[in-house]
Amino acid sequence: MNYIKEANSEIKKYFYILEPDFPEWLNEYINTEKLLLQRHISITCGIIYSDLFESEFFFSSLDHAIAVALIIWHFTHDKKQTLSGLFHDISTPVFKHCIDFLHSDYMKQESTEDLTTNIIKSSKDIMKLLKRDKIKVSEVDDYHKYTIADNDTPKLSADRLEYSLSNALFTYKLLDFNKIKEIYNDIEIQINEAKEKELGFKTQKNAKTFVEITSQLSIIYREDRTRYSMQLIADILKKLKEENTITIEDLCKLKEKEIIDIIENSKYKEIFNKWRKAKKVKTSKEEPKNVYYVRHGAKVRYINPLIKGKRSTETCEICKQLIEKNLLYDMDKYVYLDFNI
């Protein structure tokens, strides 16, 4: 198949903003078996399957990986860095970071990344292409080594930029295509305080808009309904695994819809469907009785981008206030619906 050719028209329009001159050499890598598995995984970690959330738009883990690769290519024209972005989520299982919650890794959300090297090496298709292009696995299996591809919070990287733009555009409809294009075209490679290359903004205007949007998204990523939903999915999967109904390998090979079918045919069907139809979670400062509840934090994803080489909080008082308010979000409450597992 040719994934790009068959992609949703809105997604192709988005890809065109990120890189108008699509690098055709990337297609052979995209269309490998291991990467195509990612087209069945939602970037939203499964939350789009519940009425607790507004969106039903399916932006896949593969769409995200391609978009990250396009951003890196747009700014660097470096094949190795671009491929590191394309491969960075190749080990992602169904429901994405819910599996980190399953492993109790809800604060870092990196529990599946160690499998990346092995998955690349196990793919005959990918290894053949890398050998042809004279690229070593060690040059593309860890995007953390390239600061444009990835860096530490709160810096701006291709990965962090991409999921901010696509979530704002498709999932939560906070921005339209024109605003996405305006923000993206205002970005360039700059040198940060650590003397590293980093993506940054040319103007305060677009940086401020970006901080406004990403501060909203930052709370959505860890708010009550999100933490509850991701932990519930994780706990249902954990119980199915303990009961030998599914395996960890199933989570890496099956589609999300296939795993949902398994849940629908299990004793957790009623609980799962109550969550799917729920409109609002409940919260309490006191431990609720006889219900399934969640009470823990989650990874804080926020961005304090550069504006002409300086952090936005140094040059923009509004950006500083937005980020400070975002970081004060309370995750200490008990979150629940009226049922138990």
Protein backbone atom coordinates (compact mmCIF):
# COMPACT_ATOMS: atom_id res chain seq x y z
CA MET A 1 0.00 0.00 0.00
CA ASN A 2 0.95 3.66 -0.27
CA TYR A 3 -0.09 5.12 3.08
CA ILE A 4 0.39 8.77 2.15
CA LYS A 5 -1.63 8.41 -1.04
CA GLU A 6 -4.54 6.83 0.85
CA ALA A 7 -4.42 9.19 3.85
CA ASN A 8 -7.36 11.36 4.94
CA SER A 9 -7.48 14.58 2.89
CA GLU A 10 -7.34 16.79 6.00
CA ILE A 11 -4.28 14.95 7.25
CA LYS A 12 -2.60 15.35 3.86
CA LYS A 13 -3.39 19.08 4.00
CA TYR A 14 -1.71 19.22 7.41
CA PHE A 15 1.33 17.30 6.15
CA TYR A 16 1.62 19.80 3.28
CA ILE A 17 1.87 22.69 5.77
CA LEU A 18 4.68 20.90 7.60
CA GLU A 19 6.60 20.16 4.38
CA PRO A 20 5.24 21.32 1.00
CA ASP A 21 7.90 19.32 -0.85
CA PHE A 22 7.21 15.84 0.52
CA PRO A 23 10.41 13.72 0.64
CA GLU A 24 9.46 10.78 -1.58
CA TRP A 25 12.33 8.66 -0.23
CA LEU A 26 10.43 8.51 3.08
CA ASN A 27 7.56 6.51 1.57
CA GLU A 28 9.46 3.23 1.44
CA TYR A 29 10.11 3.43 5.17
CA ILE A 30 6.53 4.48 5.97
CA ASN A 31 5.11 1.52 4.06
CA THR A 32 7.02 -1.13 6.04
CA GLU A 33 5.01 -3.64 8.05
CA LYS A 34 6.21 -2.50 11.48
CA LEU A 35 5.36 1.14 10.88
CA LEU A 36 2.01 0.40 9.26
CA LEU A 37 0.91 -1.29 12.49
CA GLN A 38 0.93 2.19 14.00
CA ARG A 39 -1.91 3.33 11.74
CA HIS A 40 -4.38 1.47 13.99
CA ILE A 41 -3.33 3.30 17.19
CA SER A 42 -4.90 6.62 18.16
CA ILE A 43 -2.61 9.41 19.31
CA THR A 44 -5.21 10.18 22.00
CA CYS A 45 -4.42 7.09 24.10
CA GLY A 46 -7.94 5.73 23.68
CA ILE A 47 -9.82 8.66 25.16
CA ILE A 48 -11.68 9.40 21.90
CA TYR A 49 -13.74 6.27 22.53
CA SER A 50 -15.52 7.94 25.47
CA ASP A 51 -18.20 10.65 25.52
CA LEU A 52 -16.15 12.31 28.26
CA PHE A 53 -14.24 13.83 25.36
CA GLU A 54 -15.54 15.90 22.47
CA SER A 55 -13.49 14.54 19.58
CA GLU A 56 -13.85 11.42 17.47
CA PHE A 57 -11.14 12.34 14.95
CA PHE A 58 -8.72 9.44 14.49
CA PHE A 59 -5.19 10.82 14.15
CA SER A 60 -2.98 7.77 14.32
CA SER A 61 0.37 7.12 15.90
CA LEU A 62 1.70 6.68 12.36
CA ASP A 63 0.28 10.07 11.33
CA HIS A 64 2.10 11.58 14.30
CA ALA A 65 5.37 9.82 13.41
CA ILE A 66 5.18 10.97 9.78
CA ALA A 67 4.41 14.53 10.86
CA VAL A 68 7.37 14.56 13.28
CA ALA A 69 9.60 13.27 10.47
CA LEU A 70 8.32 15.99 8.13
CA ILE A 71 9.05 18.72 10.68
CA ILE A 72 12.58 17.41 11.19
CA TRP A 73 13.14 17.14 7.42
CA HIS A 74 11.74 20.63 6.88
CA PHE A 75 14.23 22.19 9.28
CA THR A 76 17.30 19.95 8.80
CA HIS A 77 17.09 17.97 5.53
CA ASP A 78 18.99 15.28 7.44
CA LYS A 79 17.89 11.71 6.65
CA LYS A 80 19.15 10.19 9.89
CA GLN A 81 17.43 12.71 12.13
CA THR A 82 14.27 12.43 10.02
CA LEU A 83 14.21 8.65 10.33
CA SER A 84 14.80 8.85 14.08
CA GLY A 85 11.59 10.90 14.23
CA LEU A 86 9.71 8.45 12.03
CA PHE A 87 10.78 5.51 14.23
CA HIS A 88 10.43 7.17 17.63
CA ASP A 89 7.05 5.56 18.44
CA ILE A 90 7.51 2.30 16.54
CA SER A 91 7.32 0.35 19.81
CA THR A 92 4.05 2.02 20.86
CA PRO A 93 1.28 -0.47 21.73
CA VAL A 94 -2.49 0.07 21.45
CA PHE A 95 -3.91 2.92 23.55
CA LYS A 96 -0.43 4.44 23.53
CA HIS A 97 0.48 5.91 26.96
CA CYS A 98 -2.24 3.90 28.73
CA ILE A 99 0.30 1.09 28.66
CA ASP A 100 2.67 3.32 30.64
CA PHE A 101 -0.16 3.65 33.18
CA LEU A 102 -0.40 -0.17 33.16
CA HIS A 103 3.31 -0.25 34.08
CA SER A 104 2.73 2.49 36.73
CA ASP A 105 4.85 4.86 34.62
CA TYR A 106 2.27 7.64 34.52
CA MET A 107 4.78 10.33 35.52
CA LYS A 108 7.45 9.77 32.80
CA GLN A 109 5.41 7.77 30.24
CA GLU A 110 8.47 6.16 28.63
CA SER A 111 8.04 2.49 29.57
CA THR A 112 7.83 1.13 26.00
CA GLU A 113 10.66 3.14 24.42
CA ASP A 114 13.38 0.58 25.20
CA LEU A 115 11.87 -1.77 22.59
CA THR A 116 12.57 0.58 19.66
CA THR A 117 15.98 -0.83 18.75
CA ASN A 118 14.80 -4.45 18.81
CA ILE A 119 11.74 -3.69 16.68
CA ILE A 120 13.84 -1.93 14.05
CA LYS A 121 16.36 -4.79 14.01
CA SER A 122 13.58 -7.38 13.73
CA SER A 123 12.15 -5.72 10.62
CA LYS A 124 13.68 -7.17 7.46
CA ASP A 125 12.09 -4.39 5.39
CA ILE A 126 13.52 -1.58 7.49
CA MET A 127 16.94 -3.20 7.83
CA LYS A 128 17.13 -3.68 4.06
CA LEU A 129 16.36 -0.01 3.48
CA LEU A 130 18.85 1.15 6.10
CA LYS A 131 21.57 -1.04 4.61
CA ARG A 132 20.83 0.32 1.14
CA ASP A 133 21.02 3.89 2.44
CA LYS A 134 24.21 3.14 4.45
CA ILE A 135 22.57 4.12 7.74
CA LYS A 136 23.33 2.35 11.02
CA VAL A 137 20.54 1.36 13.41
CA SER A 138 22.34 3.29 16.16
CA GLU A 139 21.92 6.46 14.09
CA VAL A 140 18.11 6.24 13.94
CA ASP A 141 16.89 4.26 16.96
CA ASP A 142 17.09 7.04 19.55
CA TYR A 143 15.67 10.42 18.63
CA HIS A 144 16.73 11.80 22.02
CA LYS A 145 20.25 12.31 20.62
CA TYR A 146 19.00 14.93 18.14
CA THR A 147 17.85 18.14 19.85
CA ILE A 148 15.62 19.23 16.98
CA ALA A 149 13.81 15.87 17.14
CA ASP A 150 13.52 15.68 20.93
CA ASN A 151 14.71 17.49 24.03
CA ASP A 152 13.76 17.96 27.66
CA THR A 153 10.62 19.76 28.82
CA PRO A 154 9.93 22.68 28.53
CA LYS A 155 11.99 23.09 25.36
CA LEU A 156 10.39 22.92 21.91
CA SER A 157 11.21 19.90 19.73
CA ALA A 158 9.69 18.42 16.57
CA ASP A 159 7.85 15.80 18.65
CA ARG A 160 6.44 18.31 21.12
CA LEU A 161 5.57 20.76 18.33
CA GLU A 162 3.77 18.09 16.32
CA TYR A 163 1.46 16.72 18.96
CA SER A 164 0.66 20.28 20.02
CA LEU A 165 -0.33 21.30 16.49
CA SER A 166 -2.26 18.14 15.59
CA ASN A 167 -4.13 18.01 18.90
CA ALA A 168 -5.01 21.69 18.58
CA LEU A 169 -6.15 21.20 14.99
CA PHE A 170 -7.85 17.81 14.88
CA THR A 171 -8.63 16.59 18.39
CA TYR A 172 -9.67 19.66 20.35
CA LYS A 173 -10.27 22.14 17.49
CA LEU A 174 -8.49 25.01 19.19
CA LEU A 175 -6.86 26.18 15.93
CA ASP A 176 -7.70 26.07 12.23
CA PHE A 177 -5.41 25.34 9.27
CA ASN A 178 -4.63 29.02 8.66
CA LYS A 179 -3.51 29.58 12.25
CA ILE A 180 -1.48 26.36 12.21
CA LYS A 181 0.31 27.58 9.10
CA GLU A 182 0.95 31.03 10.60
CA ILE A 183 2.43 29.54 13.77
CA TYR A 184 4.52 26.96 11.91
CA ASN A 185 5.95 29.46 9.43
CA ASP A 186 7.12 31.62 12.34
CA ILE A 187 9.41 28.87 13.63
CA GLU A 188 13.13 28.54 12.91
CA ILE A 189 16.18 26.83 14.39
CA GLN A 190 17.69 28.91 17.19
CA ILE A 191 20.45 28.41 19.77
CA ASN A 192 19.25 28.02 23.36
CA GLU A 193 20.87 28.79 26.70
CA ALA A 194 22.65 25.41 26.65
CA LYS A 195 24.18 26.24 23.24
CA GLU A 196 21.99 23.58 21.63
CA LYS A 197 19.93 23.82 18.48
CA GLU A 198 16.25 24.20 19.31
CA LEU A 199 13.10 25.23 17.46
CA GLY A 200 12.05 28.74 18.40
CA PHE A 201 9.78 31.60 17.35
CA LYS A 202 10.72 34.69 15.37
CA THR A 203 7.91 36.80 16.84
CA GLN A 204 6.32 37.21 20.26
CA LYS A 205 2.84 37.28 18.71
CA ASN A 206 2.91 33.67 17.49
CA ALA A 207 4.87 32.45 20.49
CA LYS A 208 2.16 33.86 22.77
CA THR A 209 -0.58 32.15 20.74
CA PHE A 210 1.34 28.90 20.92
CA VAL A 211 1.81 29.19 24.70
CA GLU A 212 -1.90 29.95 25.14
CA ILE A 213 -2.88 26.84 23.19
CA THR A 214 -0.26 24.50 24.66
CA SER A 215 -1.14 25.64 28.18
CA GLN A 216 -4.73 24.56 27.51
CA LEU A 217 -3.53 21.28 26.05
CA SER A 218 -1.15 20.69 28.94
CA ILE A 219 -4.07 20.64 31.37
CA ILE A 220 -6.18 18.45 29.06
CA TYR A 221 -3.34 15.88 28.94
CA ARG A 222 -3.44 15.45 32.72
CA GLU A 223 -6.85 16.65 33.85
CA ASP A 224 -9.23 14.51 35.92
CA ARG A 225 -11.13 12.92 33.01
CA THR A 226 -7.87 12.08 31.20
CA ARG A 227 -6.07 10.47 34.13
CA TYR A 228 -9.20 8.54 35.03
CA SER A 229 -9.73 7.28 31.47
CA MET A 230 -6.14 6.21 30.89
CA GLN A 231 -5.91 4.41 34.22
CA LEU A 232 -9.25 2.66 33.69
CA ILE A 233 -8.18 1.36 30.27
CA ALA A 234 -4.83 0.31 31.76
CA ASP A 235 -6.49 -1.54 34.64
CA ILE A 236 -8.93 -3.38 32.38
CA LEU A 237 -6.05 -4.46 30.15
CA LYS A 238 -4.06 -5.51 33.21
CA LYS A 239 -6.90 -7.72 34.45
CA LEU A 240 -7.36 -9.26 30.99
CA LYS A 241 -3.63 -9.99 30.91
CA GLU A 242 -3.72 -11.55 34.40
CA GLU A 243 -6.61 -13.73 33.25
CA ASN A 244 -4.62 -14.79 30.14
CA THR A 245 -7.25 -13.29 27.85
CA ILE A 246 -4.65 -11.06 26.19
CA THR A 247 -0.87 -10.87 26.19
CA ILE A 248 1.56 -7.97 26.02
CA GLU A 249 2.34 -9.14 22.47
CA ASP A 250 -1.35 -8.73 21.56
CA LEU A 251 -1.14 -5.08 22.57
CA CYS A 252 1.63 -4.61 20.01
CA LYS A 253 0.10 -6.65 17.18
CA LEU A 254 -3.68 -6.11 17.32
CA LYS A 255 -5.68 -3.04 16.35
CA GLU A 256 -7.35 -0.93 19.02
CA LYS A 257 -10.74 -1.97 17.65
CA GLU A 258 -9.76 -5.64 18.02
CA ILE A 259 -8.76 -5.10 21.65
CA ILE A 260 -12.03 -3.23 22.23
CA ASP A 261 -13.89 -6.26 20.81
CA ILE A 262 -12.08 -8.46 23.34
CA ILE A 263 -13.12 -6.11 26.16
CA GLU A 264 -16.70 -6.10 24.84
CA ASN A 265 -16.73 -9.89 25.10
CA SER A 266 -15.32 -9.95 28.62
CA LYS A 267 -16.82 -9.44 32.06
CA TYR A 268 -15.57 -5.83 31.88
CA LYS A 269 -17.97 -4.96 29.07
CA GLU A 270 -20.48 -3.16 31.29
CA ILE A 271 -17.82 -1.10 33.05
CA PHE A 272 -16.13 -0.21 29.78
CA ASN A 273 -19.40 0.88 28.20
CA LYS A 274 -20.39 2.96 31.22
CA TRP A 275 -17.11 4.83 30.76
CA ARG A 276 -17.74 5.17 27.02
CA LYS A 277 -21.17 6.73 27.63
CA ALA A 278 -20.19 8.89 30.60
CA LYS A 279 -20.45 12.67 30.17
CA LYS A 280 -18.55 13.85 33.24
CA VAL A 281 -16.31 12.37 35.96
CA LYS A 282 -16.86 13.06 39.63
CA THR A 283 -14.20 14.28 42.08
CA SER A 284 -13.83 14.26 45.83
CA LYS A 285 -11.27 15.29 48.44
CA GLU A 286 -12.31 12.27 50.48
CA GLU A 287 -11.83 8.66 49.37
CA PRO A 288 -15.08 7.49 47.73
CA LYS A 289 -16.50 4.15 48.87
CA ASN A 290 -17.47 1.11 46.75
CA VAL A 291 -16.44 2.65 43.44
CA TYR A 292 -13.42 2.44 41.16
CA TYR A 293 -11.40 5.63 41.56
CA VAL A 294 -8.10 7.14 40.45
CA ARG A 295 -5.87 9.33 42.56
CA HIS A 296 -2.39 10.06 41.24
CA GLY A 297 -0.56 12.60 39.14
CA ALA A 298 0.56 12.40 35.53
CA LYS A 299 3.35 13.64 33.34
CA VAL A 300 3.32 17.43 33.04
CA ARG A 301 3.70 18.32 29.38
CA TYR A 302 4.26 22.03 28.85
CA ILE A 303 6.33 24.22 26.57
CA ASN A 304 8.23 27.42 27.27
CA PRO A 305 9.50 28.18 23.75
CA LEU A 306 12.31 30.42 22.63
CA ILE A 307 11.57 33.84 21.17
CA LYS A 308 14.66 35.06 19.33
CA GLY A 309 16.87 32.91 21.53
CA LYS A 310 15.27 33.70 24.91
CA ARG A 311 12.56 31.81 26.82
CA SER A 312 9.07 33.21 26.37
CA THR A 313 8.77 33.67 30.15
CA GLU A 314 11.73 36.06 30.03
CA THR A 315 10.32 38.31 27.33
CA CYS A 316 6.52 37.93 27.57
CA GLU A 317 4.68 38.52 30.84
CA ILE A 318 1.49 36.91 29.49
CA CYS A 319 3.40 33.74 28.56
CA LYS A 320 4.87 33.66 32.06
CA GLN A 321 1.44 33.97 33.67
CA LEU A 322 -0.09 31.30 31.41
CA ILE A 323 2.65 28.80 32.18
CA GLU A 324 2.60 29.50 35.92
CA LYS A 325 -1.17 29.02 36.03
CA ASN A 326 -0.89 25.81 34.03
CA LEU A 327 1.68 24.35 36.43
CA LEU A 328 -0.62 24.99 39.41
CA TYR A 329 -3.28 22.55 38.16
CA ASP A 330 -4.36 20.32 41.06
CA MET A 331 -4.12 16.55 40.55
CA ASP A 332 -4.67 15.60 44.18
CA LYS A 333 -8.40 14.80 44.06
CA TYR A 334 -10.06 11.38 43.90
CA VAL A 335 -11.64 10.91 40.46
CA TYR A 336 -14.43 8.40 39.90
CA LEU A 337 -17.66 7.28 38.24
CA ASP A 338 -20.37 5.30 39.99
CA PHE A 339 -19.11 1.78 39.38
CA ASN A 340 -16.41 -0.61 40.51
CA ILE A 341 -14.14 -3.04 38.68
